[in-house]
Protein backbone atom coordinates (compact mmCIF):
# COMPACT_ATOMS: atom_id res chain seq x y z
CA MET A 1 161.86 68.05 43.06
CA SER A 2 160.04 67.13 46.21
CA GLU A 3 160.49 63.81 47.87
CA GLN A 4 157.43 61.69 48.33
CA THR A 5 157.00 60.16 51.76
CA LYS A 6 156.21 56.48 51.81
CA VAL A 7 152.99 55.64 53.57
CA LYS A 8 152.48 52.07 54.66
CA ASP A 9 149.37 50.49 53.25
CA ARG A 10 147.40 49.14 56.19
CA PHE A 11 144.60 47.62 54.10
CA TRP A 12 145.31 44.02 55.17
CA LEU A 13 145.60 45.08 58.80
CA TYR A 14 142.12 46.63 58.61
CA VAL A 15 140.71 43.58 56.81
CA SER A 16 142.14 41.15 59.37
CA GLY A 17 140.92 43.32 62.25
CA THR A 18 137.43 43.44 60.80
CA ILE A 19 137.32 39.68 60.22
CA PHE A 20 138.57 39.00 63.75
CA SER A 21 135.94 41.34 65.20
CA LEU A 22 133.18 39.61 63.23
CA LEU A 23 134.33 36.19 64.40
CA VAL A 24 134.29 37.35 68.03
CA VAL A 25 130.79 38.79 67.65
CA ILE A 26 129.51 35.58 66.02
CA ALA A 27 131.04 33.47 68.82
CA MET A 28 129.43 35.67 71.48
CA VAL A 29 126.01 35.42 69.81
CA LYS A 30 126.26 31.64 69.50
CA GLN A 31 127.24 31.38 73.17
CA SER A 32 124.30 33.51 74.29
CA GLU A 33 121.92 31.40 72.17
CA THR A 34 123.28 28.24 73.75
CA GLU A 35 122.73 29.67 77.23
CA LYS A 36 119.26 30.95 76.34
CA PHE A 37 118.00 27.62 75.02
CA ALA A 38 119.69 25.39 77.62
CA PRO A 39 116.56 25.08 79.84
CA ILE A 40 114.42 24.17 76.82
CA LYS A 41 116.93 21.53 75.72
CA GLN A 42 117.00 20.08 79.24
CA GLN A 43 113.21 19.93 79.32
CA LEU A 44 113.09 18.15 75.96
CA GLU A 45 115.66 15.62 77.17
CA GLU A 46 113.63 14.96 80.33
CA GLU A 47 110.46 14.46 78.29
CA ALA A 48 112.24 12.07 75.95
CA ALA A 49 113.55 10.11 78.94
CA GLN A 50 110.05 9.87 80.39
CA MET A 51 108.61 8.70 77.07
CA ASN A 52 111.30 6.02 76.73
CA ILE A 53 109.54 3.46 78.85
CA ARG A 54 109.63 -0.16 77.79
CA VAL A 55 106.65 -2.34 78.47
CA LEU A 56 107.54 -5.87 79.44
CA ASN A 57 104.99 -8.71 79.26
């Protein structure tokens, strides 16, 4: 009879590594979107501040 060698199942290690990688990629994309649209957001805030003029009688 031959002895069978035990091989560790690394399924959960691969799953956790894949999930972690996806979370990092999503965080990086969200950060780049935030940086890309920052000037537009600033311009919209300035326009809203300019339009917020109260007329006093």
